[in-house]
Amino acid sequence: MKKLLFFLLFFIVLHCLAISQTAEEYLNSGIAKYKLEDYRGALEDYTHSITLNPHHPEAYYDRGLAKYQLHDYSGAVEDYSKAIELDPVDASSYTYRGDAKYALDDLNGAFADYSKAISLNPDEEKSYAGIGAVKITLKDYTAAVENLTKAVELDPNDKQAYFGNGYAKWILHDDKGALADFNELIALDPNSSSSAIVYFYRAQSKFDLNDNDGALEDYTKAIDINPNYAKAYVCRGMVQIILNNNILALNDLNHAIELDTTDDNAYAGRGLVKYNLHDYDKALDDCNKAIEINPDNAKAYFTRAIVKQALGDNVGSNSDKQKWQSLSGNDNQ
């Protein structure tokens, strides 16, 4: 009888070990598939692993990563929560749950998770970056810069953190600081398809620093990377106006309008070009269109004012100048 019990116990232990090994194998297989960006295959393997061993926090954590990549953010939150339940001191689970909550527009929940992660691990770089993203969404750009600066200190290769930091600094009119961040980011990844927006904002920073030639070069680079970048054509067109290249400006603004017929700044800019070329009637049409799209476009009112003056409509011109002044806060003219 004792021998029988011994053998039964022995086989039970072997069976449990087999289950544990199989769960681990599924987990490792899922990790391999995830690295190959086979997220659905990884998800299936992680689920098998969890079925065989429902007490392994790493499996829930990894399945959360796969669900996030598949845009199942609610499912990701559930899995990260289970991982935290099983291992409440793992900072990464809080960080990635914060990312999933951010994707779900749960900004308070995301901020709480990022803060918890940092309390567990003060060097949790991705949580500083996450708080920076939350603060940008909330338009608290000063706090965003504080957190994103910390993020790039901890990970000088975090491209998203550099971009967010540069953008927040640009909004705060720290154009030199923004330029430095965009320079770092472009040095990390100069030719990727996602770099067009980086060149665009570096151009914006250069433009604000009165480096028109540098801005022109960067807008052109953004367009080379993304030939359908309507705003880059608009901004390059505006620089061409400043450089007295009206025909080149007209080409850019025409192309911008072809790409986006709702861009009021493109119409306002084209109106100014046509004014410079003494085509006042068509300039007026473009200004009217810009104002129709956006009744608060101050530049369109200013351009329409000078167009109306050129057409001899002084009453209309004065009315538009007053509107421009009220929108721009300019009381000097």
C-alpha atoms as a PDB file:
ATOM      1  CA  MET A   1       0.000   0.000   0.000  1.00  0.00           C
ATOM      2  CA  LYS A   2       2.808   2.391   0.916  1.00  0.00           C
ATOM      3  CA  LYS A   3       4.543   1.567  -2.375  1.00  0.00           C
ATOM      4  CA  LEU A   4       1.330   2.290  -4.280  1.00  0.00           C
ATOM      5  CA  LEU A   5       0.938   5.674  -2.556  1.00  0.00           C
ATOM      6  CA  PHE A   6       4.553   6.458  -3.262  1.00  0.00           C
ATOM      7  CA  PHE A   7       4.181   5.739  -6.970  1.00  0.00           C
ATOM      8  CA  LEU A   8       0.932   7.738  -7.154  1.00  0.00           C
ATOM      9  CA  LEU A   9       2.632  10.686  -5.478  1.00  0.00           C
ATOM     10  CA  PHE A  10       5.632  10.305  -7.788  1.00  0.00           C
ATOM     11  CA  PHE A  11       3.476  10.397 -10.915  1.00  0.00           C
ATOM     12  CA  ILE A  12       1.496  13.415  -9.610  1.00  0.00           C
ATOM     13  CA  VAL A  13       4.750  15.311  -9.073  1.00  0.00           C
ATOM     14  CA  LEU A  14       5.971  14.349 -12.536  1.00  0.00           C
ATOM     15  CA  HIS A  15       2.647  15.463 -14.021  1.00  0.00           C
ATOM     16  CA  CYS A  16       2.889  18.851 -12.258  1.00  0.00           C
ATOM     17  CA  LEU A  17       6.434  19.298 -13.465  1.00  0.00           C
ATOM     18  CA  ALA A  18       5.334  18.500 -16.996  1.00  0.00           C
ATOM     19  CA  ILE A  19       2.580  21.118 -16.783  1.00  0.00           C
ATOM     20  CA  SER A  20       5.040  23.670 -15.434  1.00  0.00           C
ATOM     21  CA  GLN A  21       7.481  22.985 -18.232  1.00  0.00           C
ATOM     22  CA  THR A  22       4.750  23.138 -20.860  1.00  0.00           C
ATOM     23  CA  ALA A  23       3.511  26.469 -19.513  1.00  0.00           C
ATOM     24  CA  GLU A  24       7.070  27.782 -19.623  1.00  0.00           C
ATOM     25  CA  GLU A  25       7.491  26.503 -23.170  1.00  0.00           C
ATOM     26  CA  TYR A  26       4.329  28.299 -24.284  1.00  0.00           C
ATOM     27  CA  LEU A  27       5.573  31.445 -22.578  1.00  0.00           C
ATOM     28  CA  ASN A  28       8.950  31.265 -24.323  1.00  0.00           C
ATOM     29  CA  SER A  29       7.264  30.534 -27.640  1.00  0.00           C
ATOM     30  CA  GLY A  30       5.031  33.570 -27.153  1.00  0.00           C
ATOM     31  CA  ILE A  31       8.037  35.752 -26.393  1.00  0.00           C
ATOM     32  CA  ALA A  32       9.755  34.550 -29.576  1.00  0.00           C
ATOM     33  CA  LYS A  33       6.663  35.279 -31.665  1.00  0.00           C
ATOM     34  CA  TYR A  34       6.261  38.705 -30.075  1.00  0.00           C
ATOM     35  CA  LYS A  35       9.828  39.597 -31.064  1.00  0.00           C
ATOM     36  CA  LEU A  36       8.917  38.632 -34.639  1.00  0.00           C
ATOM     37  CA  GLU A  37       5.858  40.940 -34.379  1.00  0.00           C
ATOM     38  CA  ASP A  38       3.511  37.963 -34.628  1.00  0.00           C
ATOM     39  CA  TYR A  39       1.304  39.421 -31.928  1.00  0.00           C
ATOM     40  CA  ARG A  40      -1.703  37.167 -32.498  1.00  0.00           C
ATOM     41  CA  GLY A  41       0.468  34.058 -32.376  1.00  0.00           C
ATOM     42  CA  ALA A  42       2.128  35.380 -29.216  1.00  0.00           C
ATOM     43  CA  LEU A  43      -1.284  36.054 -27.679  1.00  0.00           C
ATOM     44  CA  GLU A  44      -2.393  32.483 -28.285  1.00  0.00           C
ATOM     45  CA  ASP A  45       0.770  31.077 -26.711  1.00  0.00           C
ATOM     46  CA  TYR A  46       0.511  33.344 -23.682  1.00  0.00           C
ATOM     47  CA  THR A  47      -3.101  32.260 -23.205  1.00  0.00           C
ATOM     48  CA  HIS A  48      -2.066  28.581 -23.316  1.00  0.00           C
ATOM     49  CA  SER A  49       0.640  29.323 -20.771  1.00  0.00           C
ATOM     50  CA  ILE A  50      -1.866  31.037 -18.464  1.00  0.00           C
ATOM     51  CA  THR A  51      -4.332  28.172 -18.815  1.00  0.00           C
ATOM     52  CA  LEU A  52      -1.655  25.746 -17.667  1.00  0.00           C
ATOM     53  CA  ASN A  53      -0.260  28.017 -14.961  1.00  0.00           C
ATOM     54  CA  PRO A  54      -2.648  30.826 -13.954  1.00  0.00           C
ATOM     55  CA  HIS A  55      -0.297  32.108 -11.233  1.00  0.00           C
ATOM     56  CA  HIS A  56       2.605  33.307 -13.392  1.00  0.00           C
ATOM     57  CA  PRO A  57       2.697  37.158 -13.461  1.00  0.00           C
ATOM     58  CA  GLU A  58       5.071  37.291 -16.433  1.00  0.00           C
ATOM     59  CA  ALA A  59       2.562  35.514 -18.670  1.00  0.00           C
ATOM     60  CA  TYR A  60      -0.143  38.080 -17.899  1.00  0.00           C
ATOM     61  CA  TYR A  61       2.355  40.903 -18.355  1.00  0.00           C
ATOM     62  CA  ASP A  62       3.506  39.575 -21.720  1.00  0.00           C
ATOM     63  CA  ARG A  63      -0.052  38.929 -22.885  1.00  0.00           C
ATOM     64  CA  GLY A  64      -0.835  42.524 -21.935  1.00  0.00           C
ATOM     65  CA  LEU A  65       1.990  43.650 -24.228  1.00  0.00           C
ATOM     66  CA  ALA A  66       0.550  41.603 -27.098  1.00  0.00           C
ATOM     67  CA  LYS A  67      -2.966  42.939 -26.534  1.00  0.00           C
ATOM     68  CA  TYR A  68      -1.614  46.492 -26.504  1.00  0.00           C
ATOM     69  CA  GLN A  69       0.057  45.944 -29.867  1.00  0.00           C
ATOM     70  CA  LEU A  70      -3.264  44.621 -31.185  1.00  0.00           C
ATOM     71  CA  HIS A  71      -5.015  47.769 -29.870  1.00  0.00           C
ATOM     72  CA  ASP A  72      -7.005  45.817 -27.285  1.00  0.00           C
ATOM     73  CA  TYR A  73      -6.239  48.375 -24.614  1.00  0.00           C
ATOM     74  CA  SER A  74      -8.993  47.296 -22.223  1.00  0.00           C
ATOM     75  CA  GLY A  75      -7.770  43.711 -22.409  1.00  0.00           C
ATOM     76  CA  ALA A  76      -4.226  44.919 -21.815  1.00  0.00           C
ATOM     77  CA  VAL A  77      -5.328  46.792 -18.677  1.00  0.00           C
ATOM     78  CA  GLU A  78      -6.961  43.589 -17.380  1.00  0.00           C
ATOM     79  CA  ASP A  79      -3.814  41.540 -17.918  1.00  0.00           C
ATOM     80  CA  TYR A  80      -1.486  44.127 -16.408  1.00  0.00           C
ATOM     81  CA  SER A  81      -3.838  44.352 -13.412  1.00  0.00           C
ATOM     82  CA  LYS A  82      -3.606  40.594 -12.935  1.00  0.00           C
ATOM     83  CA  ALA A  83       0.179  40.755 -13.207  1.00  0.00           C
ATOM     84  CA  ILE A  84       0.193  43.482 -10.533  1.00  0.00           C
ATOM     85  CA  GLU A  85      -2.088  41.394  -8.322  1.00  0.00           C
ATOM     86  CA  LEU A  86       0.424  38.531  -8.525  1.00  0.00           C
ATOM     87  CA  ASP A  87       3.508  40.756  -8.291  1.00  0.00           C
ATOM     88  CA  PRO A  88       2.594  44.152  -6.798  1.00  0.00           C
ATOM     89  CA  VAL A  89       6.168  45.507  -6.786  1.00  0.00           C
ATOM     90  CA  ASP A  90       6.910  45.174 -10.496  1.00  0.00           C
ATOM     91  CA  ALA A  91       7.271  48.744 -11.742  1.00  0.00           C
ATOM     92  CA  SER A  92       7.045  47.771 -15.420  1.00  0.00           C
ATOM     93  CA  SER A  93       3.517  46.404 -15.046  1.00  0.00           C
ATOM     94  CA  TYR A  94       2.373  49.772 -13.699  1.00  0.00           C
ATOM     95  CA  THR A  95       4.188  51.585 -16.523  1.00  0.00           C
ATOM     96  CA  TYR A  96       2.593  49.561 -19.287  1.00  0.00           C
ATOM     97  CA  ARG A  97      -0.815  49.630 -17.637  1.00  0.00           C
ATOM     98  CA  GLY A  98      -0.361  53.401 -17.629  1.00  0.00           C
ATOM     99  CA  ASP A  99       0.304  53.272 -21.391  1.00  0.00           C
ATOM    100  CA  ALA A 100      -2.878  51.269 -21.964  1.00  0.00           C
ATOM    101  CA  LYS A 101      -4.918  53.662 -19.819  1.00  0.00           C
ATOM    102  CA  TYR A 102      -3.445  56.609 -21.702  1.00  0.00           C
ATOM    103  CA  ALA A 103      -4.549  54.995 -24.963  1.00  0.00           C
ATOM    104  CA  LEU A 104      -8.041  54.758 -23.458  1.00  0.00           C
ATOM    105  CA  ASP A 105      -7.938  58.493 -22.550  1.00  0.00           C
ATOM    106  CA  ASP A 106      -7.901  57.632 -18.850  1.00  0.00           C
ATOM    107  CA  LEU A 107      -5.368  60.348 -18.084  1.00  0.00           C
ATOM    108  CA  ASN A 108      -5.845  60.278 -14.314  1.00  0.00           C
ATOM    109  CA  GLY A 109      -5.446  56.516 -14.221  1.00  0.00           C
ATOM    110  CA  ALA A 110      -2.378  56.668 -16.450  1.00  0.00           C
ATOM    111  CA  PHE A 111      -0.783  59.360 -14.294  1.00  0.00           C
ATOM    112  CA  ALA A 112      -1.454  57.326 -11.131  1.00  0.00           C
ATOM    113  CA  ASP A 113       0.163  54.218 -12.645  1.00  0.00           C
ATOM    114  CA  TYR A 114       3.210  56.086 -13.926  1.00  0.00           C
ATOM    115  CA  SER A 115       3.656  57.727 -10.528  1.00  0.00           C
ATOM    116  CA  LYS A 116       3.389  54.358  -8.770  1.00  0.00           C
ATOM    117  CA  ALA A 117       5.992  52.878 -11.102  1.00  0.00           C
ATOM    118  CA  ILE A 118       8.413  55.706 -10.318  1.00  0.00           C
ATOM    119  CA  SER A 119       7.831  55.247  -6.591  1.00  0.00           C
ATOM    120  CA  LEU A 120       8.837  51.582  -7.008  1.00  0.00           C
ATOM    121  CA  ASN A 121      11.724  52.355  -9.348  1.00  0.00           C
ATOM    122  CA  PRO A 122      12.967  55.963  -9.552  1.00  0.00           C
ATOM    123  CA  ASP A 123      14.813  55.065 -12.774  1.00  0.00           C
ATOM    124  CA  GLU A 124      11.675  53.864 -14.598  1.00  0.00           C
ATOM    125  CA  GLU A 125      12.348  55.944 -17.703  1.00  0.00           C
ATOM    126  CA  LYS A 126       9.195  55.039 -19.606  1.00  0.00           C
ATOM    127  CA  SER A 127       7.016  56.300 -16.773  1.00  0.00           C
ATOM    128  CA  TYR A 128       8.662  59.723 -16.864  1.00  0.00           C
ATOM    129  CA  ALA A 129       8.015  59.731 -20.607  1.00  0.00           C
ATOM    130  CA  GLY A 130       4.435  58.643 -19.956  1.00  0.00           C
ATOM    131  CA  ILE A 131       3.836  61.459 -17.474  1.00  0.00           C
ATOM    132  CA  GLY A 132       5.299  63.839 -20.056  1.00  0.00           C
ATOM    133  CA  ALA A 133       2.759  62.624 -22.620  1.00  0.00           C
ATOM    134  CA  VAL A 134      -0.089  63.043 -20.110  1.00  0.00           C
ATOM    135  CA  LYS A 135       1.053  66.577 -19.313  1.00  0.00           C
ATOM    136  CA  ILE A 136       1.248  67.508 -23.005  1.00  0.00           C
ATOM    137  CA  THR A 137      -2.305  66.235 -23.483  1.00  0.00           C
ATOM    138  CA  LEU A 138      -3.360  68.389 -20.521  1.00  0.00           C
ATOM    139  CA  LYS A 139      -1.387  71.352 -21.988  1.00  0.00           C
ATOM    140  CA  ASP A 140       0.799  71.534 -18.882  1.00  0.00           C
ATOM    141  CA  TYR A 141       3.920  71.973 -20.989  1.00  0.00           C
ATOM    142  CA  THR A 142       6.230  73.048 -18.170  1.00  0.00           C
ATOM    143  CA  ALA A 143       5.572  69.823 -16.266  1.00  0.00           C
ATOM    144  CA  ALA A 144       5.905  67.902 -19.523  1.00  0.00           C
ATOM    145  CA  VAL A 145       9.391  69.303 -20.108  1.00  0.00           C
ATOM    146  CA  GLU A 146      10.413  68.456 -16.547  1.00  0.00           C
ATOM    147  CA  ASN A 147       9.424  64.791 -16.943  1.00  0.00           C
ATOM    148  CA  LEU A 148      10.585  64.330 -20.521  1.00  0.00           C
ATOM    149  CA  THR A 149      13.973  65.858 -19.690  1.00  0.00           C
ATOM    150  CA  LYS A 150      14.324  63.228 -16.972  1.00  0.00           C
ATOM    151  CA  ALA A 151      13.276  60.539 -19.449  1.00  0.00           C
ATOM    152  CA  VAL A 152      15.996  61.400 -21.976  1.00  0.00           C
ATOM    153  CA  GLU A 153      18.562  61.647 -19.186  1.00  0.00           C
ATOM    154  CA  LEU A 154      17.737  58.046 -18.262  1.00  0.00           C
ATOM    155  CA  ASP A 155      17.485  56.855 -21.868  1.00  0.00           C
ATOM    156  CA  PRO A 156      19.249  59.061 -24.430  1.00  0.00           C
ATOM    157  CA  ASN A 157      17.816  56.858 -27.202  1.00  0.00           C
ATOM    158  CA  ASP A 158      14.129  57.442 -26.426  1.00  0.00           C
ATOM    159  CA  LYS A 159      12.972  59.072 -29.650  1.00  0.00           C
ATOM    160  CA  GLN A 160       9.408  59.722 -28.503  1.00  0.00           C
ATOM    161  CA  ALA A 161      10.652  61.480 -25.369  1.00  0.00           C
ATOM    162  CA  TYR A 162      12.946  63.728 -27.429  1.00  0.00           C
ATOM    163  CA  PHE A 163      10.083  64.601 -29.754  1.00  0.00           C
ATOM    164  CA  GLY A 164       7.667  65.341 -26.915  1.00  0.00           C
ATOM    165  CA  ASN A 165      10.283  67.426 -25.136  1.00  0.00           C
ATOM    166  CA  GLY A 166      11.078  69.407 -28.270  1.00  0.00           C
ATOM    167  CA  TYR A 167       7.410  69.972 -29.015  1.00  0.00           C
ATOM    168  CA  ALA A 168       6.642  71.140 -25.469  1.00  0.00           C
ATOM    169  CA  LYS A 169       9.632  73.503 -25.513  1.00  0.00           C
ATOM    170  CA  TRP A 170       8.517  74.894 -28.874  1.00  0.00           C
ATOM    171  CA  ILE A 171       5.043  75.567 -27.467  1.00  0.00           C
ATOM    172  CA  LEU A 172       6.734  77.355 -24.540  1.00  0.00           C
ATOM    173  CA  HIS A 173       8.740  79.475 -27.050  1.00  0.00           C
ATOM    174  CA  ASP A 174      12.000  77.866 -25.953  1.00  0.00           C
ATOM    175  CA  ASP A 175      13.014  77.557 -29.588  1.00  0.00           C
ATOM    176  CA  LYS A 176      16.698  76.967 -28.887  1.00  0.00           C
ATOM    177  CA  GLY A 177      15.850  74.168 -26.466  1.00  0.00           C
ATOM    178  CA  ALA A 178      13.388  72.690 -28.942  1.00  0.00           C
ATOM    179  CA  LEU A 179      15.972  72.859 -31.708  1.00  0.00           C
ATOM    180  CA  ALA A 180      18.494  70.993 -29.549  1.00  0.00           C
ATOM    181  CA  ASP A 181      16.005  68.171 -28.895  1.00  0.00           C
ATOM    182  CA  PHE A 182      14.996  67.881 -32.553  1.00  0.00           C
ATOM    183  CA  ASN A 183      18.680  67.811 -33.522  1.00  0.00           C
ATOM    184  CA  GLU A 184      19.278  64.923 -31.102  1.00  0.00           C
ATOM    185  CA  LEU A 185      16.273  63.069 -32.446  1.00  0.00           C
ATOM    186  CA  ILE A 186      17.275  63.490 -36.086  1.00  0.00           C
ATOM    187  CA  ALA A 187      20.788  62.286 -35.245  1.00  0.00           C
ATOM    188  CA  LEU A 188      19.223  59.117 -33.825  1.00  0.00           C
ATOM    189  CA  ASP A 189      16.972  58.433 -36.828  1.00  0.00           C
ATOM    190  CA  PRO A 190      17.533  60.790 -39.767  1.00  0.00           C
ATOM    191  CA  ASN A 191      15.683  59.020 -42.577  1.00  0.00           C
ATOM    192  CA  SER A 192      12.785  57.034 -41.159  1.00  0.00           C
ATOM    193  CA  SER A 193       9.266  57.629 -42.484  1.00  0.00           C
ATOM    194  CA  SER A 194       8.312  59.062 -39.092  1.00  0.00           C
ATOM    195  CA  SER A 195      11.050  61.709 -39.311  1.00  0.00           C
ATOM    196  CA  ALA A 196       8.972  64.050 -41.501  1.00  0.00           C
ATOM    197  CA  ILE A 197       7.175  65.515 -38.491  1.00  0.00           C
ATOM    198  CA  VAL A 198      10.503  65.975 -36.703  1.00  0.00           C
ATOM    199  CA  TYR A 199      11.972  67.939 -39.611  1.00  0.00           C
ATOM    200  CA  PHE A 200       8.732  69.936 -39.746  1.00  0.00           C
ATOM    201  CA  TYR A 201       8.956  71.022 -36.111  1.00  0.00           C
ATOM    202  CA  ARG A 202      12.676  71.645 -36.358  1.00  0.00           C
ATOM    203  CA  ALA A 203      11.826  73.918 -39.261  1.00  0.00           C
ATOM    204  CA  GLN A 204       9.236  75.657 -37.090  1.00  0.00           C
ATOM    205  CA  SER A 205      11.886  76.246 -34.429  1.00  0.00           C
ATOM    206  CA  LYS A 206      14.357  77.582 -37.001  1.00  0.00           C
ATOM    207  CA  PHE A 207      11.677  79.837 -38.465  1.00  0.00           C
ATOM    208  CA  ASP A 208      10.937  81.298 -35.029  1.00  0.00           C
ATOM    209  CA  LEU A 209      14.675  81.904 -34.629  1.00  0.00           C
ATOM    210  CA  ASN A 210      14.649  83.818 -37.959  1.00  0.00           C
ATOM    211  CA  ASP A 211      16.694  81.132 -39.695  1.00  0.00           C
ATOM    212  CA  ASN A 212      14.598  81.195 -42.862  1.00  0.00           C
ATOM    213  CA  ASP A 213      17.103  79.291 -44.987  1.00  0.00           C
ATOM    214  CA  GLY A 214      17.396  76.556 -42.381  1.00  0.00           C
ATOM    215  CA  ALA A 215      13.619  76.384 -42.049  1.00  0.00           C
ATOM    216  CA  LEU A 216      13.248  76.134 -45.824  1.00  0.00           C
ATOM    217  CA  GLU A 217      15.728  73.259 -45.919  1.00  0.00           C
ATOM    218  CA  ASP A 218      13.898  71.339 -43.183  1.00  0.00           C
ATOM    219  CA  TYR A 219      10.430  71.873 -44.662  1.00  0.00           C
ATOM    220  CA  THR A 220      11.834  70.519 -47.921  1.00  0.00           C
ATOM    221  CA  LYS A 221      13.262  67.492 -46.111  1.00  0.00           C
ATOM    222  CA  ALA A 222       9.880  66.843 -44.473  1.00  0.00           C
ATOM    223  CA  ILE A 223       8.228  66.966 -47.903  1.00  0.00           C
ATOM    224  CA  ASP A 224      10.864  64.654 -49.386  1.00  0.00           C
ATOM    225  CA  ILE A 225      10.056  62.084 -46.713  1.00  0.00           C
ATOM    226  CA  ASN A 226       6.286  62.614 -46.927  1.00  0.00           C
ATOM    227  CA  PRO A 227       5.206  64.167 -50.252  1.00  0.00           C
ATOM    228  CA  ASN A 228       1.616  64.462 -48.960  1.00  0.00           C
ATOM    229  CA  TYR A 229       2.522  66.626 -45.951  1.00  0.00           C
ATOM    230  CA  ALA A 230       0.115  69.508 -46.593  1.00  0.00           C
ATOM    231  CA  LYS A 231       1.171  71.688 -43.653  1.00  0.00           C
ATOM    232  CA  ALA A 232       4.808  71.447 -44.702  1.00  0.00           C
ATOM    233  CA  TYR A 233       3.875  72.875 -48.122  1.00  0.00           C
ATOM    234  CA  VAL A 234       1.938  75.691 -46.411  1.00  0.00           C
ATOM    235  CA  CYS A 235       4.846  76.607 -44.147  1.00  0.00           C
ATOM    236  CA  ARG A 236       7.434  76.329 -46.901  1.00  0.00           C
ATOM    237  CA  GLY A 237       5.219  78.568 -48.998  1.00  0.00           C
ATOM    238  CA  MET A 238       5.133  81.170 -46.220  1.00  0.00           C
ATOM    239  CA  VAL A 239       8.943  81.140 -46.017  1.00  0.00           C
ATOM    240  CA  GLN A 240       9.119  81.573 -49.790  1.00  0.00           C
ATOM    241  CA  ILE A 241       6.916  84.668 -49.430  1.00  0.00           C
ATOM    242  CA  ILE A 242       9.324  86.119 -46.873  1.00  0.00           C
ATOM    243  CA  LEU A 243      12.210  85.390 -49.270  1.00  0.00           C
ATOM    244  CA  ASN A 244      10.269  87.116 -52.099  1.00  0.00           C
ATOM    245  CA  ASN A 245       9.958  83.879 -54.049  1.00  0.00           C
ATOM    246  CA  ASN A 246       6.289  84.405 -54.883  1.00  0.00           C
ATOM    247  CA  ILE A 247       6.035  81.917 -57.747  1.00  0.00           C
ATOM    248  CA  LEU A 248       7.607  79.152 -55.656  1.00  0.00           C
ATOM    249  CA  ALA A 249       5.306  80.119 -52.797  1.00  0.00           C
ATOM    250  CA  LEU A 250       2.293  79.932 -55.109  1.00  0.00           C
ATOM    251  CA  ASN A 251       3.292  76.458 -56.255  1.00  0.00           C
ATOM    252  CA  ASP A 252       3.594  75.244 -52.662  1.00  0.00           C
ATOM    253  CA  LEU A 253       0.295  76.750 -51.555  1.00  0.00           C
ATOM    254  CA  ASN A 254      -1.535  75.423 -54.607  1.00  0.00           C
ATOM    255  CA  HIS A 255      -0.228  71.962 -53.803  1.00  0.00           C
ATOM    256  CA  ALA A 256      -1.180  72.300 -50.138  1.00  0.00           C
ATOM    257  CA  ILE A 257      -4.759  73.140 -51.124  1.00  0.00           C
ATOM    258  CA  GLU A 258      -4.866  70.162 -53.496  1.00  0.00           C
ATOM    259  CA  LEU A 259      -3.897  67.960 -50.539  1.00  0.00           C
ATOM    260  CA  ASP A 260      -6.197  69.648 -48.004  1.00  0.00           C
ATOM    261  CA  THR A 261      -9.030  71.866 -49.182  1.00  0.00           C
ATOM    262  CA  THR A 262      -9.906  72.798 -45.579  1.00  0.00           C
ATOM    263  CA  ASP A 263      -6.605  74.445 -44.610  1.00  0.00           C
ATOM    264  CA  ASP A 264      -7.488  78.092 -43.965  1.00  0.00           C
ATOM    265  CA  ASN A 265      -3.838  79.103 -43.650  1.00  0.00           C
ATOM    266  CA  ALA A 266      -3.124  77.796 -47.145  1.00  0.00           C
ATOM    267  CA  TYR A 267      -5.847  80.015 -48.607  1.00  0.00           C
ATOM    268  CA  ALA A 268      -4.721  83.007 -46.523  1.00  0.00           C
ATOM    269  CA  GLY A 269      -1.115  82.490 -47.652  1.00  0.00           C
ATOM    270  CA  ARG A 270      -2.129  82.128 -51.279  1.00  0.00           C
ATOM    271  CA  GLY A 271      -4.199  85.280 -50.957  1.00  0.00           C
ATOM    272  CA  LEU A 272      -1.073  87.137 -49.839  1.00  0.00           C
ATOM    273  CA  VAL A 273       0.924  85.756 -52.772  1.00  0.00           C
ATOM    274  CA  LYS A 274      -1.756  86.858 -55.216  1.00  0.00           C
ATOM    275  CA  TYR A 275      -1.768  90.282 -53.595  1.00  0.00           C
ATOM    276  CA  ASN A 276       2.007  90.465 -54.112  1.00  0.00           C
ATOM    277  CA  LEU A 277       1.440  89.509 -57.754  1.00  0.00           C
ATOM    278  CA  HIS A 278      -1.257  92.233 -58.048  1.00  0.00           C
ATOM    279  CA  ASP A 279      -4.006  89.700 -58.728  1.00  0.00           C
ATOM    280  CA  TYR A 280      -6.331  91.422 -56.262  1.00  0.00           C
ATOM    281  CA  ASP A 281      -9.652  89.840 -57.224  1.00  0.00           C
ATOM    282  CA  LYS A 282      -8.329  86.298 -56.793  1.00  0.00           C
ATOM    283  CA  ALA A 283      -6.500  87.370 -53.640  1.00  0.00           C
ATOM    284  CA  LEU A 284      -9.839  88.524 -52.255  1.00  0.00           C
ATOM    285  CA  ASP A 285     -11.430  85.179 -53.150  1.00  0.00           C
ATOM    286  CA  ASP A 286      -8.742  83.309 -51.249  1.00  0.00           C
ATOM    287  CA  CYS A 287      -9.030  85.524 -48.175  1.00  0.00           C
ATOM    288  CA  ASN A 288     -12.809  85.098 -48.194  1.00  0.00           C
ATOM    289  CA  LYS A 289     -12.349  81.322 -48.381  1.00  0.00           C
ATOM    290  CA  ALA A 290      -9.869  81.333 -45.487  1.00  0.00           C
ATOM    291  CA  ILE A 291     -12.290  83.325 -43.325  1.00  0.00           C
ATOM    292  CA  GLU A 292     -15.196  81.100 -44.347  1.00  0.00           C
ATOM    293  CA  ILE A 293     -13.240  78.066 -43.095  1.00  0.00           C
ATOM    294  CA  ASN A 294     -11.946  79.806 -39.967  1.00  0.00           C
ATOM    295  CA  PRO A 295     -13.632  83.086 -38.960  1.00  0.00           C
ATOM    296  CA  ASP A 296     -10.859  83.657 -36.393  1.00  0.00           C
ATOM    297  CA  ASN A 297      -7.933  83.603 -38.818  1.00  0.00           C
ATOM    298  CA  ALA A 298      -6.312  86.960 -37.989  1.00  0.00           C
ATOM    299  CA  LYS A 299      -3.817  86.832 -40.865  1.00  0.00           C
ATOM    300  CA  ALA A 300      -6.615  86.349 -43.374  1.00  0.00           C
ATOM    301  CA  TYR A 301      -8.333  89.521 -42.149  1.00  0.00           C
ATOM    302  CA  PHE A 302      -5.067  91.458 -42.363  1.00  0.00           C
ATOM    303  CA  THR A 303      -4.426  90.297 -45.919  1.00  0.00           C
ATOM    304  CA  ARG A 304      -8.014  90.964 -46.933  1.00  0.00           C
ATOM    305  CA  ALA A 305      -7.677  94.465 -45.457  1.00  0.00           C
ATOM    306  CA  ILE A 306      -4.722  95.339 -47.674  1.00  0.00           C
ATOM    307  CA  VAL A 307      -6.378  93.680 -50.676  1.00  0.00           C
ATOM    308  CA  LYS A 308      -9.549  95.748 -50.170  1.00  0.00           C
ATOM    309  CA  GLN A 309      -7.436  98.863 -49.817  1.00  0.00           C
ATOM    310  CA  ALA A 310      -5.764  98.070 -53.140  1.00  0.00           C
ATOM    311  CA  LEU A 311      -9.235  97.663 -54.667  1.00  0.00           C
ATOM    312  CA  GLY A 312     -10.321 101.047 -53.290  1.00  0.00           C
ATOM    313  CA  ASP A 313     -12.680  99.620 -50.635  1.00  0.00           C
ATOM    314  CA  ASN A 314     -11.431 101.706 -47.719  1.00  0.00           C
ATOM    315  CA  VAL A 315     -14.485 101.065 -45.532  1.00  0.00           C
ATOM    316  CA  GLY A 316     -14.128  97.318 -45.916  1.00  0.00           C
ATOM    317  CA  SER A 317     -10.391  97.588 -45.394  1.00  0.00           C
ATOM    318  CA  ASN A 318     -10.790  99.479 -42.115  1.00  0.00           C
ATOM    319  CA  SER A 319     -13.384  96.965 -40.911  1.00  0.00           C
ATOM    320  CA  ASP A 320     -11.016  94.063 -41.595  1.00  0.00           C
ATOM    321  CA  LYS A 321      -8.118  95.868 -39.891  1.00  0.00           C
ATOM    322  CA  GLN A 322     -10.242  96.291 -36.778  1.00  0.00           C
ATOM    323  CA  LYS A 323     -11.132  92.603 -36.866  1.00  0.00           C
ATOM    324  CA  TRP A 324      -7.471  91.703 -37.296  1.00  0.00           C
ATOM    325  CA  GLN A 325      -6.523  93.872 -34.330  1.00  0.00           C
ATOM    326  CA  SER A 326      -9.198  92.313 -32.108  1.00  0.00           C
ATOM    327  CA  LEU A 327      -8.077  88.797 -33.006  1.00  0.00           C
ATOM    328  CA  SER A 328      -4.331  89.415 -32.778  1.00  0.00           C
ATOM    329  CA  GLY A 329      -4.319  91.831 -29.851  1.00  0.00           C
ATOM    330  CA  ASN A 330      -2.458  94.316 -32.033  1.00  0.00           C
ATOM    331  CA  ASP A 331      -3.508  97.877 -31.213  1.00  0.00           C
ATOM    332  CA  ASN A 332      -0.635  99.588 -33.002  1.00  0.00           C
ATOM    333  CA  GLN A 333      -2.226  99.892 -36.442  1.00  0.00           C
END
